[in-house]
Amino acid sequence: YSAVMRMALGRLPLMKGASLFARTILEETFNATQKARSLQLGSLHDHRAHPTWLKSIPGIFSYVSVDGHTLYTTCSRAGRPHQVWQHSMGQNSSQKDVLLFEETNSRATVVIALTRDAKYVTINSNTRTSSEVWLVDVATLPSMPTLVRRREELVEYYMDHAHDRFYVLTNLGVDAEYKVMVGETAFPNHWHPFFEPRNGYVLQDLELFKDSVALYGLQNLVPIVLVLNPCEPDRDPLILSDDGACHTHRTDQAEGPSNLKMERLSVISKDGTTVPVTLMYRRDLIRSGAPSPVLV
């Protein structure tokens, strides 16, 4: 078959202060819709010396590394990511990596991710119409994953963890619209409502920060960002819309912070590609030729 090799090199620290790191090689095939990576684990004791490669893992799809452990997914012969393996830093070369999870559903694709607070690894088994999440507690590795909620047709859910609780973006419910629910750390499968959109908002994704929860979505096909306070979920969130207005959830009137403005620009990258850029800044900021610090 016809294939092209693209190498992406980069260090991936496996533990703070450790000398072990990872190098990734990304291999893309012309006749496959999925990407396959080869992961190489190496040791570098002196920054002036060449690394010593300890292990090479071919054919992986995704991986995360935390607290001295690397979890990675491998693909079936059909190119479907279906297994999750765990490798521990410093383990004997004769020791085999531990198989933590295997998806037998031929319609499901497995992807792993590290939660925002790095306390859990989520194993996401997704089909076109359903999803199932398994949790791995980083503090107890190499423990086996635990199932959050068994797969149900036409029900999808995605999880992250911060602020000592789980946030769940799901379409569970009669209306089948995406909403945000939360579950306590000790009971990740017991969810209660956190935020349900109104006024025609359609939620698509969420991202957790130290003091806020950002929800990405659309209103009348216009991209919006809703910012919520995790300590006050009943308080109307701040809405940042594509038209530059900042307002609250309860109304389309500009009742939010009137000193903020959002603007959509287009810039040209080095390779000539047009890239959309969204800027949010104080209205009293005078845009001139003078440098203005930007948080990206």
Protein backbone atom coordinates (compact mmCIF):
# COMPACT_ATOMS: atom_id res chain seq x y z
CA TYR A 1 0.00 0.00 0.00
CA SER A 2 1.05 3.59 -0.38
CA ALA A 3 2.15 5.34 2.79
CA VAL A 4 4.04 8.38 3.98
CA MET A 5 6.07 8.71 7.18
CA ARG A 6 5.96 11.96 9.10
CA MET A 7 8.11 12.17 12.20
CA ALA A 8 7.13 14.43 15.09
CA LEU A 9 9.75 14.47 17.82
CA GLY A 10 9.14 15.80 21.28
CA ARG A 11 9.87 15.11 24.91
CA LEU A 12 7.08 13.87 27.10
CA PRO A 13 8.03 13.94 30.81
CA LEU A 14 6.71 10.88 32.62
CA MET A 15 7.43 12.13 36.13
CA LYS A 16 8.53 15.46 37.51
CA GLY A 17 12.29 15.49 37.96
CA ALA A 18 12.74 12.17 36.16
CA SER A 19 15.18 11.54 33.35
CA LEU A 20 12.83 9.28 31.39
CA PHE A 21 11.01 10.82 28.48
CA ALA A 22 9.14 9.76 25.37
CA ARG A 23 9.61 10.45 21.70
CA THR A 24 6.74 10.02 19.29
CA ILE A 25 6.80 9.11 15.63
CA LEU A 26 3.63 9.81 13.74
CA GLU A 27 2.94 7.57 10.76
CA GLU A 28 0.09 8.36 8.38
CA THR A 29 -1.15 6.09 5.61
CA PHE A 30 -2.92 7.34 2.51
CA ASN A 31 -5.47 4.51 2.51
CA ALA A 32 -6.54 4.73 6.17
CA THR A 33 -8.77 7.15 8.01
CA GLN A 34 -7.04 6.56 11.35
CA LYS A 35 -3.52 7.60 12.36
CA ALA A 36 -1.04 5.14 13.85
CA ARG A 37 1.86 6.22 16.04
CA SER A 38 4.99 4.52 17.28
CA LEU A 39 5.96 5.49 20.82
CA GLN A 40 9.57 5.27 21.92
CA LEU A 41 10.51 5.52 25.60
CA GLY A 42 14.05 6.58 26.41
CA SER A 43 16.34 7.66 29.24
CA LEU A 44 18.49 10.79 29.19
CA HIS A 45 20.87 11.09 32.15
CA ASP A 46 22.88 13.98 30.74
CA HIS A 47 21.48 16.66 28.45
CA ARG A 48 24.76 16.57 26.49
CA ALA A 49 24.58 12.83 25.88
CA HIS A 50 22.52 10.85 23.43
CA PRO A 51 19.42 9.16 24.89
CA THR A 52 19.23 5.45 25.57
CA TRP A 53 16.08 4.02 24.03
CA LEU A 54 14.46 1.51 26.36
CA LYS A 55 11.24 0.52 24.63
CA SER A 56 9.53 0.95 21.29
CA ILE A 57 5.74 0.50 21.03
CA PRO A 58 4.46 0.38 17.45
CA GLY A 59 0.94 0.93 16.21
CA ILE A 60 -0.50 3.03 19.04
CA PHE A 61 -3.41 5.43 18.53
CA SER A 62 -3.38 7.65 21.64
CA TYR A 63 -1.46 7.84 24.90
CA VAL A 64 -1.15 9.74 28.17
CA SER A 65 1.68 9.80 30.72
CA VAL A 66 1.33 10.71 34.38
CA ASP A 67 3.17 9.93 37.63
CA GLY A 68 5.60 7.51 36.04
CA HIS A 69 3.02 5.56 34.06
CA THR A 70 2.23 5.60 30.34
CA LEU A 71 -1.16 4.38 29.13
CA TYR A 72 -1.60 3.82 25.41
CA THR A 73 -4.11 2.35 22.98
CA THR A 74 -3.33 -0.15 20.23
CA CYS A 75 -5.29 -1.00 17.12
CA SER A 76 -6.77 -4.19 15.75
CA ARG A 77 -5.80 -5.55 12.35
CA ALA A 78 -8.68 -3.55 10.93
CA GLY A 79 -7.13 -0.35 12.31
CA ARG A 80 -9.69 0.09 15.13
CA PRO A 81 -8.26 1.29 18.48
CA HIS A 82 -9.53 -1.32 20.91
CA GLN A 83 -6.99 -2.05 23.66
CA VAL A 84 -5.52 0.03 26.51
CA TRP A 85 -2.12 -0.94 27.91
CA GLN A 86 -0.10 0.40 30.84
CA HIS A 87 3.69 0.73 31.04
CA SER A 88 5.45 1.74 34.28
CA MET A 89 8.64 3.76 34.32
CA GLY A 90 11.64 1.69 35.33
CA GLN A 91 9.97 -1.69 34.92
CA ASN A 92 12.21 -4.59 33.97
CA SER A 93 12.68 -5.01 30.24
CA SER A 94 11.45 -8.60 30.56
CA GLN A 95 8.20 -7.46 32.13
CA LYS A 96 5.22 -7.20 29.83
CA ASP A 97 2.96 -4.17 29.82
CA VAL A 98 -0.41 -4.65 31.53
CA LEU A 99 -3.58 -4.91 29.46
CA LEU A 100 -6.08 -2.69 31.30
CA PHE A 101 -8.99 -2.72 28.87
CA GLU A 102 -10.18 -4.33 25.65
CA GLU A 103 -13.25 -3.31 23.67
CA THR A 104 -14.91 -6.25 21.90
CA ASN A 105 -17.62 -4.15 20.22
CA SER A 106 -16.45 -3.96 16.60
CA ARG A 107 -18.33 -0.67 16.10
CA ALA A 108 -16.57 1.13 18.96
CA THR A 109 -13.36 3.16 18.90
CA VAL A 110 -11.30 3.61 22.08
CA VAL A 111 -9.62 6.91 22.99
CA ILE A 112 -7.94 7.76 26.31
CA ALA A 113 -7.54 11.16 27.94
CA LEU A 114 -6.21 12.65 31.16
CA THR A 115 -8.64 14.70 33.23
CA ARG A 116 -7.98 18.39 33.84
CA ASP A 117 -6.65 17.79 37.37
CA ALA A 118 -4.59 14.76 36.26
CA LYS A 119 -6.27 12.52 38.83
CA TYR A 120 -8.02 10.18 36.41
CA VAL A 121 -7.57 8.68 32.97
CA THR A 122 -10.80 8.30 31.02
CA ILE A 123 -11.18 5.41 28.61
CA ASN A 124 -13.77 6.52 26.09
CA SER A 125 -15.39 3.83 23.95
CA ASN A 126 -17.44 5.57 21.26
CA THR A 127 -19.66 4.45 18.41
CA ARG A 128 -21.49 6.77 16.03
CA THR A 129 -24.55 6.77 18.29
CA SER A 130 -23.39 5.90 21.82
CA SER A 131 -20.54 6.10 24.28
CA GLU A 132 -19.22 4.37 27.37
CA VAL A 133 -16.60 5.69 29.81
CA TRP A 134 -14.29 3.74 32.09
CA LEU A 135 -12.20 5.44 34.80
CA VAL A 136 -8.66 4.71 35.92
CA ASP A 137 -7.60 6.27 39.22
CA VAL A 138 -4.04 7.52 38.69
CA ALA A 139 -3.25 7.20 42.41
CA THR A 140 -3.92 3.43 42.31
CA LEU A 141 -2.21 2.48 39.04
CA PRO A 142 -1.88 -0.19 37.76
CA SER A 143 -5.45 -0.77 38.95
CA MET A 144 -8.12 -1.97 36.54
CA PRO A 145 -10.63 0.60 35.17
CA THR A 146 -14.16 0.89 36.50
CA LEU A 147 -17.25 1.40 34.34
CA VAL A 148 -19.18 4.65 34.91
CA ARG A 149 -22.36 3.96 32.95
CA ARG A 150 -23.05 1.06 30.62
CA ARG A 151 -23.59 1.87 26.96
CA GLU A 152 -27.12 2.80 25.93
CA GLU A 153 -28.09 3.31 22.30
CA LEU A 154 -28.52 6.98 21.28
CA VAL A 155 -27.00 8.15 24.60
CA GLU A 156 -23.58 9.79 24.60
CA TYR A 157 -21.58 11.16 27.51
CA TYR A 158 -18.10 12.57 28.03
CA MET A 159 -16.42 13.17 31.40
CA ASP A 160 -13.77 15.37 32.99
CA HIS A 161 -12.75 15.94 36.61
CA ALA A 162 -11.94 19.13 38.54
CA HIS A 163 -13.11 20.99 41.65
CA ASP A 164 -13.37 17.58 43.41
CA ARG A 165 -16.17 16.33 41.16
CA PHE A 166 -16.91 14.91 37.73
CA TYR A 167 -18.45 17.02 34.98
CA VAL A 168 -20.48 15.14 32.39
CA LEU A 169 -21.51 16.48 29.00
CA THR A 170 -24.37 14.23 27.91
CA ASN A 171 -27.55 14.01 25.85
CA LEU A 172 -29.20 11.76 28.43
CA GLY A 173 -32.86 12.66 28.89
CA VAL A 174 -36.17 12.89 27.09
CA ASP A 175 -35.18 15.90 24.99
CA ALA A 176 -31.85 14.27 23.90
CA GLU A 177 -30.19 17.71 23.98
CA TYR A 178 -26.71 18.06 25.41
CA LYS A 179 -26.51 19.35 28.97
CA VAL A 180 -23.96 19.37 31.80
CA MET A 181 -24.38 17.16 34.84
CA VAL A 182 -22.06 16.54 37.80
CA GLY A 183 -21.24 13.57 39.95
CA GLU A 184 -19.36 13.34 43.21
CA THR A 185 -15.90 11.80 43.11
CA ALA A 186 -17.00 8.87 45.26
CA PHE A 187 -20.10 8.27 43.08
CA PRO A 188 -19.17 9.09 39.46
CA ASN A 189 -22.22 7.24 38.12
CA HIS A 190 -24.75 9.27 40.17
CA TRP A 191 -25.39 12.47 38.22
CA HIS A 192 -27.47 15.51 39.01
CA PRO A 193 -28.13 18.61 36.86
CA PHE A 194 -25.54 21.35 36.70
CA PHE A 195 -26.51 23.37 33.61
CA GLU A 196 -29.21 23.02 30.96
CA PRO A 197 -29.10 25.46 28.02
CA ARG A 198 -32.11 27.56 27.06
CA ASN A 199 -32.92 30.15 24.41
CA GLY A 200 -31.89 27.88 21.56
CA TYR A 201 -28.33 27.22 22.73
CA VAL A 202 -26.73 23.97 21.54
CA LEU A 203 -23.81 22.70 23.63
CA GLN A 204 -20.92 20.96 21.89
CA ASP A 205 -18.00 20.76 24.32
CA LEU A 206 -16.78 21.79 27.78
CA GLU A 207 -13.45 22.76 29.26
CA LEU A 208 -12.57 23.07 32.93
CA PHE A 209 -10.42 25.77 34.50
CA LYS A 210 -9.36 26.55 38.06
CA ASP A 211 -12.23 28.92 38.81
CA SER A 212 -14.62 28.44 35.89
CA VAL A 213 -16.33 26.06 33.51
CA ALA A 214 -16.34 27.01 29.82
CA LEU A 215 -19.04 25.58 27.56
CA TYR A 216 -18.71 25.80 23.79
CA GLY A 217 -21.70 25.74 21.50
CA LEU A 218 -23.96 27.51 19.03
CA GLN A 219 -26.90 29.88 19.09
CA ASN A 220 -28.62 30.24 15.73
CA LEU A 221 -25.50 28.70 14.14
CA VAL A 222 -23.31 31.43 15.70
CA PRO A 223 -20.43 30.17 17.92
CA ILE A 224 -20.73 31.13 21.59
CA VAL A 225 -18.83 30.46 24.81
CA LEU A 226 -20.66 30.24 28.13
CA VAL A 227 -18.56 30.80 31.26
CA LEU A 228 -19.95 29.47 34.55
CA ASN A 229 -18.82 29.71 38.15
CA PRO A 230 -18.51 26.12 39.47
CA CYS A 231 -19.39 27.31 42.97
CA GLU A 232 -22.56 29.09 41.81
CA PRO A 233 -24.10 26.98 39.04
CA ASP A 234 -27.48 28.70 39.40
CA ARG A 235 -25.99 32.09 38.65
CA ASP A 236 -26.50 33.27 35.06
CA PRO A 237 -23.33 32.54 33.07
CA LEU A 238 -21.39 35.04 31.05
CA ILE A 239 -21.90 34.59 27.31
CA LEU A 240 -19.26 35.52 24.75
CA SER A 241 -20.82 35.58 21.30
CA ASP A 242 -19.39 35.97 17.84
CA ASP A 243 -21.00 39.38 17.40
CA GLY A 244 -18.74 40.83 20.11
CA ALA A 245 -21.47 41.15 22.74
CA CYS A 246 -21.03 39.95 26.34
CA HIS A 247 -24.28 39.22 28.15
CA THR A 248 -25.93 36.81 30.53
CA HIS A 249 -27.88 33.63 29.83
CA ARG A 250 -31.29 34.97 30.81
CA THR A 251 -31.55 37.63 28.14
CA ASP A 252 -30.05 38.76 24.88
CA GLN A 253 -29.66 42.28 26.21
CA ALA A 254 -26.19 43.49 27.11
CA GLU A 255 -26.55 43.11 30.86
CA GLY A 256 -23.19 41.45 31.37
CA PRO A 257 -19.82 43.16 31.73
CA SER A 258 -20.22 46.13 29.42
CA ASN A 259 -16.48 46.84 29.48
CA LEU A 260 -15.67 43.66 27.53
CA LYS A 261 -15.69 43.24 23.77
CA MET A 262 -15.07 40.20 21.58
CA GLU A 263 -13.92 40.44 17.98
CA ARG A 264 -13.39 37.82 15.25
CA LEU A 265 -10.35 38.33 13.00
CA SER A 266 -8.55 36.35 10.31
CA VAL A 267 -4.78 36.08 10.09
CA ILE A 268 -2.49 34.41 7.59
CA SER A 269 -0.11 31.76 8.95
CA LYS A 270 3.40 31.11 7.68
CA ASP A 271 2.18 28.47 5.23
CA GLY A 272 -0.47 30.81 3.80
CA THR A 273 -3.43 29.25 5.60
CA THR A 274 -6.14 31.61 6.84
CA VAL A 275 -6.69 31.08 10.57
CA PRO A 276 -9.67 32.52 12.51
CA VAL A 277 -8.73 34.37 15.71
CA THR A 278 -11.10 35.48 18.45
CA LEU A 279 -9.98 38.41 20.62
CA MET A 280 -11.62 39.47 23.89
CA TYR A 281 -10.48 42.72 25.45
CA ARG A 282 -11.63 45.74 27.44
CA ARG A 283 -13.57 48.28 25.43
CA ASP A 284 -11.41 51.09 26.78
CA LEU A 285 -8.27 49.42 25.38
CA ILE A 286 -7.00 51.56 22.52
CA ARG A 287 -5.88 49.33 19.69
CA SER A 288 -2.80 50.95 18.25
CA GLY A 289 0.59 49.95 17.01
CA ALA A 290 1.88 49.63 20.56
CA PRO A 291 2.43 46.06 21.84
CA SER A 292 -0.44 44.65 23.91
CA PRO A 293 0.06 41.46 25.93
CA VAL A 294 -2.24 38.62 24.87
CA LEU A 295 -3.15 35.42 26.69
CA VAL A 296 -3.45 32.60 24.13
